Amino acid sequence: MEPLTPIYDLKPSCRSAIPVKFPKLTSLAFHSPRLSSPNRRVNHKWKVSLSVETSTKVQCSGRGLMESVARRALGFGASAALLFSIFSDSSALAESLTVAFPVSRAPEVNAVQRTLVEAWGLIRETFVDPTFNHQDWDLKLQQTMVEMFPLNSADAAYTKISGMLSTLGDPFTRIISPKEYQGFRIGSDGNLQGVGLFINAEPRTGHLVVLSCIEGSPAARAGIHQGDELVEINGERLDGIDSEAAAQKLRGNAGTTVTVKVKESRRNYGIREVKLPREYIKLSPISSAIIPHRSPDGQLTKTGYVKLSAFSQTAAEDMKNAIQDLENQGVHSYILDLRNNPGGLVTAGLDVAQMWLDGDETLVNTIDRDGNMLPINMVNGHAITHDPLVVIVNEGSASASEILAGALHDNGRAILVGHKTFGKGKIQSVTELHDGSALFVTVAKYLSPALHDIDQVGITPDVQCTTEMLNTPKDLSNKDKTAVSSLEADSCIMVAEHELDVKESKGTAS
């Protein structure tokens, strides 16, 4: 599996509670938590039933009468029809809807039709834009269901759902098949088989851009860099393919190979072909070291360096252990390196922020689909350390990295050094659907504690790095002198150390 792209932001715990098989012409119910904001769930219930209908008449009540699909369905005859009703115990969705649609005779397409209903309903309730990109979302379901009717394969049916989701105008709202979702979840124990790339679809162009390479991975050894664009995988053009689908093509058993074409960002955008071996890759979100540092007054001090590469389920616990270990070794200041960290679980980012802050500070502000702003605050927070802190960011710092950087900066805890961040200010829920596929839905936008808009803007650091970094830090240990030497040669770290000196001198003067 390739490392997770910066599109998943909430722990994938919002999923169907009852995995069910669908006998023909029967009734069943889905029970799923509704996520209307990142920290509030309201239960709702789906009821989907099959019966034999002699027409394709649409009946509905509540918001917006849907047009009949009878004219579009002429020629289906007395075919089976899919009926569904949606109801909720939440006042946010007080209407009911009953619709009849033609059921595909292909069993695998028939199953995807049910997935379509489930995905459509979740988006109808939770998608951040209540206008659904200024379109009739109920009508879009009709159109997609009718287009799906004559298909013969599940893959073609999933393509129709993807096409429906693309009309929302949000590249982060998408569906992946059961097979892709299993691949997405591979590596939760920190082991994966692949080439070691973090990739993301550039929102404005849709091009697949490299955010970073895992140190020592096949991609890194081949000289693939941040900013390079993936053009082909095994001879297949990637136009219109999302980041997870591309990552799926890069994954595979260790010992096999994959051939990619890359448009290089550092060499006049020339295209080169690279054959990459797939390997077992060990992912550790945290690496740390102690950098000996001599202050302007000649005093030798210790700076704790912590690099956080992703916000995984273990990131917060690993960060806590790293800080406590460095505290035990008597460090006097800290550098937190978030360069090329593409994000991950928002909860992990918030947990890490609380390790550096006290009190009831605001960590981030979320804005729901109705425009309501909800601050997420700490409750009686106690920082592990109060030593001076500098955070390093760059163009590859995205999503949860930007939340963490904004929380530490806007609350006066840290100085930001580096380059302007990626600019992803949206939060997704991840829902496992009844057939094992997964739906990613943008459910909220976020602003920094000081109400700075991040989406497609990014965060500008207090101090820019004056030159490109001279060396990329490798896997570190506290006793690795070679790694420490490479860190000392990193120009961004040199700038960070200077800012720590300035901060210390100001603290002494006060």
Protein backbone atom coordinates (compact mmCIF):
# COMPACT_ATOMS: atom_id res chain seq x y z
CA MET A 1 0.00 0.00 0.00
CA GLU A 2 1.10 3.53 -0.66
CA PRO A 3 1.06 5.95 2.27
CA LEU A 4 -2.31 7.49 2.87
CA THR A 5 -2.94 10.64 0.84
CA PRO A 6 -3.97 13.83 2.69
CA ILE A 7 -7.62 13.26 2.06
CA TYR A 8 -8.65 11.27 5.12
CA ASP A 9 -9.01 13.50 8.15
CA LEU A 10 -11.35 11.73 10.54
CA LYS A 11 -10.83 8.30 12.00
CA PRO A 12 -12.80 5.87 9.82
CA SER A 13 -15.14 4.89 12.63
CA CYS A 14 -18.27 6.33 11.04
CA ARG A 15 -19.37 3.23 9.20
CA SER A 16 -22.32 0.93 8.71
CA ALA A 17 -22.93 -0.91 11.95
CA ILE A 18 -24.54 -3.93 10.29
CA PRO A 19 -22.77 -5.60 7.35
CA VAL A 20 -25.58 -7.40 5.57
CA LYS A 21 -26.20 -9.60 2.57
CA PHE A 22 -29.06 -8.59 0.32
CA PRO A 23 -31.54 -11.35 -0.52
CA LYS A 24 -33.73 -10.59 -3.51
CA LEU A 25 -37.09 -8.92 -3.02
CA THR A 26 -36.78 -8.34 0.69
CA SER A 27 -36.44 -5.55 3.20
CA LEU A 28 -33.43 -4.49 5.18
CA ALA A 29 -32.23 -1.53 7.20
CA PHE A 30 -28.95 0.33 7.47
CA HIS A 31 -27.99 1.99 10.73
CA SER A 32 -25.26 4.60 10.39
CA PRO A 33 -24.14 7.50 12.58
CA ARG A 34 -24.67 10.84 10.94
CA LEU A 35 -21.71 13.18 11.20
CA SER A 36 -22.97 16.76 11.04
CA SER A 37 -19.82 18.17 12.60
CA PRO A 38 -16.49 16.58 13.54
CA ASN A 39 -17.48 16.08 17.18
CA ARG A 40 -21.24 15.53 17.06
CA ARG A 41 -23.11 12.48 15.86
CA VAL A 42 -26.82 12.06 15.30
CA ASN A 43 -28.22 8.63 14.58
CA HIS A 44 -30.24 8.16 11.43
CA LYS A 45 -31.65 5.11 9.76
CA TRP A 46 -31.89 3.96 6.17
CA LYS A 47 -34.59 1.61 4.99
CA VAL A 48 -34.16 0.05 1.57
CA SER A 49 -36.53 -2.51 0.16
CA LEU A 50 -37.00 -4.39 -3.06
CA SER A 51 -40.28 -5.31 -4.63
CA VAL A 52 -41.69 -6.06 -8.06
CA GLU A 53 -43.21 -3.00 -9.70
CA THR A 54 -45.11 -2.69 -12.95
CA SER A 55 -44.10 0.93 -13.46
CA THR A 56 -41.32 3.31 -12.63
CA LYS A 57 -43.45 6.03 -11.14
CA VAL A 58 -41.73 8.24 -8.60
CA GLN A 59 -43.55 9.14 -5.41
CA CYS A 60 -42.07 11.55 -2.93
CA SER A 61 -42.88 13.95 -0.17
CA GLY A 62 -40.88 16.62 1.59
CA ARG A 63 -38.29 18.93 0.08
CA GLY A 64 -38.53 19.21 -3.69
CA LEU A 65 -40.78 16.91 -5.72
CA MET A 66 -38.69 14.70 -7.97
CA GLU A 67 -39.59 14.35 -11.63
CA SER A 68 -40.91 11.07 -12.88
CA VAL A 69 -38.43 8.78 -14.57
CA ALA A 70 -41.20 6.99 -16.43
CA ARG A 71 -40.33 8.55 -19.78
CA ARG A 72 -36.65 7.68 -19.36
CA ALA A 73 -37.58 4.15 -18.30
CA LEU A 74 -39.85 3.35 -21.24
CA GLY A 75 -39.02 -0.09 -22.55
CA PHE A 76 -38.14 -1.55 -19.15
CA GLY A 77 -41.61 -3.10 -19.02
CA ALA A 78 -42.67 -4.86 -15.83
CA SER A 79 -39.15 -4.97 -14.47
CA ALA A 80 -38.23 -5.05 -10.83
CA ALA A 81 -37.85 -1.67 -9.21
CA LEU A 82 -35.79 -0.43 -6.30
CA LEU A 83 -37.82 1.36 -3.66
CA PHE A 84 -36.29 3.25 -0.81
CA SER A 85 -37.38 5.60 1.91
CA ILE A 86 -35.24 7.78 4.09
CA PHE A 87 -36.24 9.03 7.50
CA SER A 88 -34.37 10.54 10.41
CA ASP A 89 -34.73 11.11 14.15
CA SER A 90 -32.95 14.42 13.65
CA SER A 91 -34.80 17.67 13.07
CA ALA A 92 -32.18 18.47 10.45
CA LEU A 93 -33.88 16.03 8.04
CA ALA A 94 -37.59 16.07 8.77
CA GLU A 95 -38.85 14.87 5.39
CA SER A 96 -39.40 11.43 3.95
CA LEU A 97 -38.78 10.25 0.44
CA THR A 98 -40.08 7.20 -1.40
CA VAL A 99 -38.85 6.49 -4.90
CA ALA A 100 -39.15 3.58 -7.33
CA PHE A 101 -36.33 2.86 -9.76
CA PRO A 102 -35.58 0.06 -12.23
CA VAL A 103 -33.44 -2.66 -10.70
CA SER A 104 -30.63 -4.08 -12.79
CA ARG A 105 -30.86 -7.73 -13.75
CA ALA A 106 -27.09 -8.04 -13.23
CA PRO A 107 -26.65 -9.05 -9.56
CA GLU A 108 -23.36 -7.18 -9.10
CA VAL A 109 -24.82 -3.98 -10.57
CA ASN A 110 -27.91 -4.48 -8.45
CA ALA A 111 -25.69 -4.47 -5.34
CA VAL A 112 -23.99 -1.26 -6.41
CA GLN A 113 -27.41 0.36 -6.90
CA ARG A 114 -27.99 -0.10 -3.19
CA THR A 115 -24.56 1.42 -2.53
CA LEU A 116 -25.57 4.37 -4.68
CA VAL A 117 -28.63 4.98 -2.50
CA GLU A 118 -26.56 4.82 0.67
CA ALA A 119 -23.85 7.14 -0.66
CA TRP A 120 -26.37 9.60 -2.06
CA GLY A 121 -28.18 9.80 1.28
CA LEU A 122 -25.03 10.35 3.34
CA ILE A 123 -23.98 13.17 1.06
CA ARG A 124 -27.49 14.62 1.16
CA GLU A 125 -27.21 14.91 4.94
CA THR A 126 -23.57 15.78 5.54
CA PHE A 127 -21.90 17.38 2.50
CA VAL A 128 -20.48 20.78 3.39
CA ASP A 129 -22.25 22.56 0.51
CA PRO A 130 -26.03 22.35 1.05
CA THR A 131 -26.64 23.45 -2.57
CA PHE A 132 -24.66 20.42 -3.81
CA ASN A 133 -22.74 22.69 -6.18
CA HIS A 134 -26.00 24.40 -7.21
CA GLN A 135 -27.71 21.29 -8.55
CA ASP A 136 -30.76 19.18 -7.73
CA TRP A 137 -29.22 16.32 -5.79
CA ASP A 138 -32.47 14.31 -5.81
CA LEU A 139 -32.63 14.57 -9.60
CA LYS A 140 -28.98 13.54 -9.82
CA LEU A 141 -29.87 10.27 -8.08
CA GLN A 142 -32.58 9.60 -10.65
CA GLN A 143 -30.27 10.24 -13.55
CA THR A 144 -27.48 8.06 -12.16
CA MET A 145 -29.79 5.19 -11.29
CA VAL A 146 -31.25 5.12 -14.80
CA GLU A 147 -27.78 5.32 -16.36
CA MET A 148 -26.70 2.42 -14.18
CA PHE A 149 -29.61 0.16 -15.19
CA PRO A 150 -28.20 -1.23 -18.48
CA LEU A 151 -24.68 -1.84 -17.14
CA ASN A 152 -23.21 -5.31 -16.75
CA SER A 153 -20.33 -4.90 -14.29
CA ALA A 154 -19.75 -3.51 -10.82
CA ASP A 155 -16.73 -1.55 -12.03
CA ALA A 156 -18.85 0.29 -14.57
CA ALA A 157 -21.48 0.94 -11.90
CA TYR A 158 -18.89 2.38 -9.48
CA THR A 159 -17.71 4.63 -12.31
CA LYS A 160 -21.25 6.02 -12.54
CA ILE A 161 -21.25 6.79 -8.81
CA SER A 162 -17.86 8.47 -9.16
CA GLY A 163 -19.24 10.55 -12.01
CA MET A 164 -22.17 11.61 -9.85
CA LEU A 165 -19.83 12.63 -7.03
CA SER A 166 -17.60 14.60 -9.39
CA THR A 167 -20.49 16.97 -10.12
CA LEU A 168 -20.18 18.24 -6.53
CA GLY A 169 -17.03 20.09 -7.54
CA ASP A 170 -15.04 18.76 -4.58
CA PRO A 171 -12.10 16.47 -5.42
CA PHE A 172 -11.99 15.15 -1.85
CA THR A 173 -15.55 13.74 -1.90
CA ARG A 174 -15.28 10.35 -3.56
CA ILE A 175 -16.02 6.64 -3.34
CA ILE A 176 -13.59 3.75 -3.53
CA SER A 177 -14.46 0.14 -4.21
CA PRO A 178 -14.24 -2.58 -1.55
CA LYS A 179 -10.93 -3.77 -2.99
CA GLU A 180 -9.50 -0.25 -2.96
CA TYR A 181 -10.71 0.35 0.58
CA GLN A 182 -8.99 -2.79 1.81
CA GLY A 183 -5.81 -1.47 0.24
CA PHE A 184 -6.43 1.90 1.89
CA ARG A 185 -6.49 0.24 5.29
CA ILE A 186 -3.44 -1.97 4.70
CA GLY A 187 -0.43 -0.76 6.63
CA SER A 188 -2.26 0.32 9.77
CA ASP A 189 0.39 -1.62 11.68
CA GLY A 190 3.09 0.52 10.09
CA ASN A 191 4.08 -1.98 7.38
CA LEU A 192 3.21 -1.59 3.72
CA GLN A 193 4.25 -2.97 0.36
CA GLY A 194 4.83 -0.37 -2.29
CA VAL A 195 7.27 2.21 -3.61
CA GLY A 196 7.03 4.82 -0.84
CA LEU A 197 5.20 7.82 -2.29
CA PHE A 198 2.85 10.37 -0.77
CA ILE A 199 0.68 11.64 -3.62
CA ASN A 200 -2.24 14.01 -3.93
CA ALA A 201 -4.48 15.39 -6.68
CA GLU A 202 -3.73 19.08 -7.16
CA PRO A 203 -7.19 20.67 -6.61
CA ARG A 204 -7.03 23.18 -9.46
CA THR A 205 -5.68 20.91 -12.20
CA GLY A 206 -6.42 17.38 -10.98
CA HIS A 207 -2.81 16.39 -11.75
CA LEU A 208 -1.27 13.80 -9.44
CA VAL A 209 1.60 15.49 -7.62
CA VAL A 210 4.21 13.95 -5.32
CA LEU A 211 4.02 15.45 -1.83
CA SER A 212 6.99 13.49 -0.52
CA CYS A 213 8.89 10.21 -0.63
CA ILE A 214 9.59 7.99 2.34
CA GLU A 215 13.27 8.13 3.13
CA GLY A 216 15.14 5.11 1.78
CA SER A 217 12.15 3.93 -0.26
CA PRO A 218 12.43 2.84 -3.92
CA ALA A 219 10.90 6.15 -5.03
CA ALA A 220 13.41 8.17 -2.99
CA ARG A 221 16.36 6.12 -4.27
CA ALA A 222 15.15 6.70 -7.84
CA GLY A 223 15.37 10.46 -7.36
CA ILE A 224 11.65 11.25 -7.37
CA HIS A 225 11.06 14.55 -5.57
CA GLN A 226 8.31 16.63 -4.05
CA GLY A 227 6.46 18.52 -6.78
CA ASP A 228 7.07 15.92 -9.49
CA GLU A 229 3.95 14.92 -11.40
CA LEU A 230 2.97 11.30 -12.06
CA VAL A 231 2.02 10.99 -15.73
CA GLU A 232 1.77 7.22 -16.35
CA ILE A 233 1.78 3.99 -14.36
CA ASN A 234 2.62 0.81 -16.29
CA GLY A 235 1.87 2.56 -19.56
CA GLU A 236 -1.56 3.83 -18.45
CA ARG A 237 -2.18 7.57 -18.56
CA LEU A 238 -3.43 9.03 -15.28
CA ASP A 239 -5.73 11.71 -16.68
CA GLY A 240 -8.88 11.80 -14.58
CA ILE A 241 -7.64 9.18 -12.10
CA ASP A 242 -7.80 10.15 -8.41
CA SER A 243 -4.93 9.78 -5.98
CA GLU A 244 -6.22 6.64 -4.26
CA ALA A 245 -6.79 4.84 -7.57
CA ALA A 246 -3.27 5.77 -8.63
CA ALA A 247 -1.87 4.63 -5.27
CA GLN A 248 -3.66 1.31 -5.77
CA LYS A 249 -1.79 0.84 -9.04
CA LEU A 250 1.52 1.54 -7.32
CA ARG A 251 0.92 -0.97 -4.53
CA GLY A 252 1.72 -4.62 -4.91
CA ASN A 253 3.61 -7.54 -3.51
CA ALA A 254 7.21 -6.99 -2.49
CA GLY A 255 9.52 -8.31 -5.20
CA THR A 256 7.38 -7.11 -8.10
CA THR A 257 8.03 -3.93 -10.07
CA VAL A 258 6.03 -1.00 -11.42
CA THR A 259 7.03 1.43 -14.18
CA VAL A 260 6.14 5.10 -13.83
CA LYS A 261 6.59 8.17 -15.98
CA VAL A 262 7.33 11.32 -14.02
CA LYS A 263 7.32 14.97 -15.09
CA GLU A 264 10.18 16.39 -13.09
CA SER A 265 9.74 19.70 -11.31
CA ARG A 266 13.46 20.33 -10.87
CA ARG A 267 14.67 19.77 -14.43
CA ASN A 268 12.61 21.99 -16.72
CA TYR A 269 9.65 19.64 -16.42
CA GLY A 270 11.22 16.92 -18.50
CA ILE A 271 9.55 13.50 -18.48
CA ARG A 272 11.48 10.39 -17.53
CA GLU A 273 10.52 6.74 -17.11
CA VAL A 274 11.52 4.89 -13.93
CA LYS A 275 11.18 1.21 -13.06
CA LEU A 276 10.57 0.89 -9.33
CA PRO A 277 10.78 -2.29 -7.24
CA ARG A 278 8.06 -2.78 -4.65
CA GLU A 279 9.35 -3.46 -1.14
CA TYR A 280 8.24 -3.84 2.46
CA ILE A 281 8.40 -0.35 3.91
CA LYS A 282 8.35 0.39 7.61
CA LEU A 283 6.46 3.55 8.45
CA SER A 284 7.20 5.40 11.64
CA PRO A 285 5.46 8.76 11.95
CA ILE A 286 8.00 10.08 14.48
CA SER A 287 11.76 10.43 14.42
CA SER A 288 13.83 12.46 16.88
CA ALA A 289 17.34 13.59 17.70
CA ILE A 290 19.22 15.95 19.98
CA ILE A 291 21.09 18.75 18.21
CA PRO A 292 23.90 20.34 20.27
CA HIS A 293 23.60 24.09 19.90
CA ARG A 294 25.86 26.94 21.00
CA SER A 295 23.96 30.12 21.83
CA PRO A 296 25.31 33.61 20.98
CA ASP A 297 26.68 33.97 24.51
CA GLY A 298 28.78 30.81 24.01
CA GLN A 299 26.65 28.50 26.16
CA LEU A 300 26.24 24.94 24.85
CA THR A 301 22.59 23.83 24.89
CA LYS A 302 20.53 20.92 23.61
CA THR A 303 17.76 21.35 21.03
CA GLY A 304 15.25 18.52 20.72
CA TYR A 305 14.40 17.82 17.08
CA VAL A 306 11.18 15.92 16.31
CA LYS A 307 10.02 15.11 12.78
CA LEU A 308 6.37 14.10 12.34
CA SER A 309 5.73 12.57 8.93
CA ALA A 310 2.00 11.71 9.17
CA PHE A 311 -0.94 11.88 11.57
CA SER A 312 -1.61 8.18 11.98
CA GLN A 313 -3.45 6.47 14.81
CA THR A 314 -0.18 6.16 16.73
CA ALA A 315 1.14 9.68 16.05
CA ALA A 316 -0.05 11.29 19.28
CA GLU A 317 1.25 8.53 21.55
CA ASP A 318 4.55 8.42 19.65
CA MET A 319 4.87 12.20 19.96
CA LYS A 320 4.22 12.07 23.71
CA ASN A 321 6.90 9.42 24.16
CA ALA A 322 9.39 11.38 22.06
CA ILE A 323 8.87 14.60 24.03
CA GLN A 324 9.16 12.86 27.37
CA ASP A 325 12.34 11.08 26.25
CA LEU A 326 13.89 14.37 25.13
CA GLU A 327 12.82 16.06 28.38
CA ASN A 328 14.57 13.32 30.33
CA GLN A 329 17.74 14.08 28.38
CA GLY A 330 17.65 17.72 29.39
CA VAL A 331 16.84 19.57 26.16
CA HIS A 332 16.34 23.34 26.40
CA SER A 333 14.26 24.00 23.25
CA TYR A 334 12.43 22.20 20.45
CA ILE A 335 12.13 22.12 16.68
CA LEU A 336 9.01 20.37 15.34
CA ASP A 337 9.45 19.49 11.66
CA LEU A 338 6.19 19.15 9.69
CA ARG A 339 7.73 19.43 6.24
CA ASN A 340 6.13 17.13 3.67
CA ASN A 341 3.60 15.88 6.24
CA PRO A 342 0.45 15.49 4.10
CA GLY A 343 -1.95 15.22 7.05
CA GLY A 344 -4.04 12.34 8.32
CA LEU A 345 -6.38 12.09 11.27
CA VAL A 346 -7.58 15.46 12.54
CA THR A 347 -7.99 14.00 16.03
CA ALA A 348 -4.30 13.07 16.06
CA GLY A 349 -3.36 16.62 15.08
CA LEU A 350 -5.47 18.08 17.87
CA ASP A 351 -4.04 15.62 20.38
CA VAL A 352 -0.50 16.63 19.43
CA ALA A 353 -1.37 20.34 19.72
CA GLN A 354 -2.51 19.83 23.31
CA MET A 355 0.90 18.49 24.28
CA TRP A 356 2.36 21.96 23.75
CA LEU A 357 -0.46 24.17 25.10
CA ASP A 358 -2.09 24.98 28.44
CA GLY A 359 -5.59 26.04 29.47
CA ASP A 360 -8.66 26.16 27.26
CA GLU A 361 -7.11 27.54 24.06
CA THR A 362 -8.95 27.26 20.73
CA LEU A 363 -7.22 24.70 18.52
CA VAL A 364 -9.24 25.16 15.34
CA ASN A 365 -12.56 26.58 14.16
CA THR A 366 -14.86 24.45 12.01
CA ILE A 367 -17.64 25.76 9.76
CA ASP A 368 -20.54 23.43 8.98
CA ARG A 369 -22.80 23.30 5.94
CA ASP A 370 -25.11 25.94 7.41
CA GLY A 371 -22.26 28.38 7.96
CA ASN A 372 -22.19 27.88 11.73
CA MET A 373 -18.72 28.25 13.23
CA LEU A 374 -17.77 25.87 16.03
CA PRO A 375 -14.51 26.42 17.91
CA ILE A 376 -12.78 23.28 19.18
CA ASN A 377 -11.14 24.14 22.50
CA MET A 378 -8.92 22.31 24.93
CA VAL A 379 -10.34 21.54 28.36
CA ASN A 380 -7.94 22.27 31.21
CA GLY A 381 -4.90 21.49 29.07
CA HIS A 382 -1.45 20.90 30.55
CA ALA A 383 1.56 21.09 28.24
CA ILE A 384 4.27 18.45 28.59
CA THR A 385 6.91 21.14 28.17
CA HIS A 386 7.07 24.93 28.09
CA ASP A 387 10.48 25.11 26.39
CA PRO A 388 10.74 27.43 23.35
CA LEU A 389 9.36 25.90 20.13
CA VAL A 390 9.85 26.49 16.40
CA VAL A 391 7.73 24.64 13.81
CA ILE A 392 9.09 24.09 10.28
CA VAL A 393 6.61 23.79 7.38
CA ASN A 394 6.71 23.78 3.59
CA GLU A 395 4.56 23.29 0.49
CA GLY A 396 4.08 19.62 1.40
CA SER A 397 2.61 20.40 4.83
CA ALA A 398 -1.13 19.90 4.43
CA SER A 399 -4.41 19.35 6.22
CA ALA A 400 -3.84 18.20 9.81
CA SER A 401 -0.30 19.63 9.59
CA GLU A 402 -1.82 23.03 8.89
CA ILE A 403 -4.28 22.64 11.76
CA LEU A 404 -1.40 21.86 14.15
CA ALA A 405 0.82 24.65 12.82
CA GLY A 406 -2.05 27.15 13.03
CA ALA A 407 -2.96 26.10 16.57
CA LEU A 408 0.60 26.49 17.86
CA HIS A 409 1.25 29.73 15.99
CA ASP A 410 -2.02 31.58 16.64
CA ASN A 411 -1.88 30.76 20.34
CA GLY A 412 1.59 32.27 20.59
CA ARG A 413 3.29 28.97 21.37
CA ALA A 414 5.53 28.61 18.31
CA ILE A 415 7.31 30.54 15.58
CA LEU A 416 6.76 29.19 12.05
CA VAL A 417 9.78 28.80 9.75
CA GLY A 418 9.92 27.52 6.18
CA HIS A 419 7.69 27.98 3.15
CA LYS A 420 3.96 28.53 2.67
CA THR A 421 1.91 25.39 3.32
CA PHE A 422 -0.22 23.40 0.86
CA GLY A 423 -3.60 24.96 1.68
CA LYS A 424 -6.17 22.24 2.41
CA GLY A 425 -8.82 23.58 4.77
CA LYS A 426 -11.46 20.86 4.46
CA ILE A 427 -12.33 17.97 6.75
CA GLN A 428 -13.62 14.61 5.50
CA SER A 429 -15.57 11.85 7.13
CA VAL A 430 -14.79 8.30 5.99
CA THR A 431 -17.74 5.90 6.01
CA GLU A 432 -17.51 2.19 5.29
CA LEU A 433 -20.64 1.32 3.31
CA HIS A 434 -22.58 -1.93 3.53
CA ASP A 435 -20.73 -3.61 0.64
CA GLY A 436 -17.24 -2.84 1.98
CA SER A 437 -16.67 0.21 -0.20
CA ALA A 438 -15.87 3.55 1.43
CA LEU A 439 -17.31 7.02 0.98
CA PHE A 440 -15.18 10.10 1.66
CA VAL A 441 -17.31 13.21 2.21
CA THR A 442 -16.19 16.77 2.90
CA VAL A 443 -18.27 17.67 5.96
CA ALA A 444 -16.72 20.91 7.17
CA LYS A 445 -14.23 23.66 6.48
CA TYR A 446 -11.82 24.96 9.05
CA LEU A 447 -10.15 28.21 10.00
CA SER A 448 -7.15 28.72 12.26
CA PRO A 449 -7.73 29.95 15.85
CA ALA A 450 -7.12 33.51 14.60
CA LEU A 451 -9.77 32.91 11.88
CA HIS A 452 -7.29 32.72 9.01
CA ASP A 453 -8.68 30.91 5.97
CA ILE A 454 -6.39 28.02 5.02
CA ASP A 455 -8.16 26.33 2.09
CA GLN A 456 -6.33 27.02 -1.20
CA VAL A 457 -4.42 29.76 0.66
CA GLY A 458 -2.07 27.97 3.04
CA ILE A 459 -0.19 29.38 6.02
CA THR A 460 2.68 31.80 5.45
CA PRO A 461 5.51 31.28 8.00
CA ASP A 462 6.90 34.07 10.15
CA VAL A 463 10.35 33.49 8.68
CA GLN A 464 11.16 32.08 5.24
CA CYS A 465 14.09 29.73 4.74
CA THR A 466 16.58 31.72 2.71
CA THR A 467 17.88 28.73 0.71
CA GLU A 468 16.82 25.21 -0.17
CA MET A 469 17.63 22.74 2.57
CA LEU A 470 21.02 21.19 1.95
CA ASN A 471 20.21 17.69 3.19
CA THR A 472 17.02 15.77 3.82
CA PRO A 473 16.92 14.27 7.33
CA LYS A 474 17.02 10.48 7.34
CA ASP A 475 15.66 8.00 9.83
CA LEU A 476 16.97 9.22 13.14
CA SER A 477 17.93 7.94 16.53
CA ASN A 478 19.11 9.99 19.44
CA LYS A 479 22.62 8.52 19.17
CA ASP A 480 22.99 8.77 15.38
CA LYS A 481 25.85 11.28 14.94
CA THR A 482 25.64 11.11 11.15
CA ALA A 483 21.99 12.09 11.24
CA VAL A 484 22.74 14.96 13.62
CA SER A 485 25.40 16.22 11.21
CA SER A 486 22.90 16.22 8.37
CA LEU A 487 20.43 18.12 10.51
CA GLU A 488 23.02 20.75 11.35
CA ALA A 489 23.60 21.25 7.61
CA ASP A 490 19.87 21.81 6.98
CA SER A 491 19.42 25.51 6.33
CA CYS A 492 15.83 25.58 7.61
CA ILE A 493 16.98 24.07 10.90
CA MET A 494 19.76 26.66 11.06
CA VAL A 495 17.12 29.38 10.67
CA ALA A 496 14.99 27.68 13.34
CA GLU A 497 17.92 27.62 15.77
CA HIS A 498 18.49 31.33 15.17
CA GLU A 499 14.83 32.03 15.98
CA LEU A 500 15.17 30.01 19.18
CA ASP A 501 18.13 32.20 20.15
CA VAL A 502 16.10 35.33 19.48
CA LYS A 503 13.16 33.97 21.45
CA GLU A 504 15.43 33.04 24.36
CA SER A 505 17.04 36.48 24.43
CA LYS A 506 13.65 38.17 24.45
CA GLY A 507 12.54 35.90 27.28
CA THR A 508 15.63 36.80 29.32
CA ALA A 509 15.15 40.52 28.71
CA SER A 510 11.58 40.41 29.97
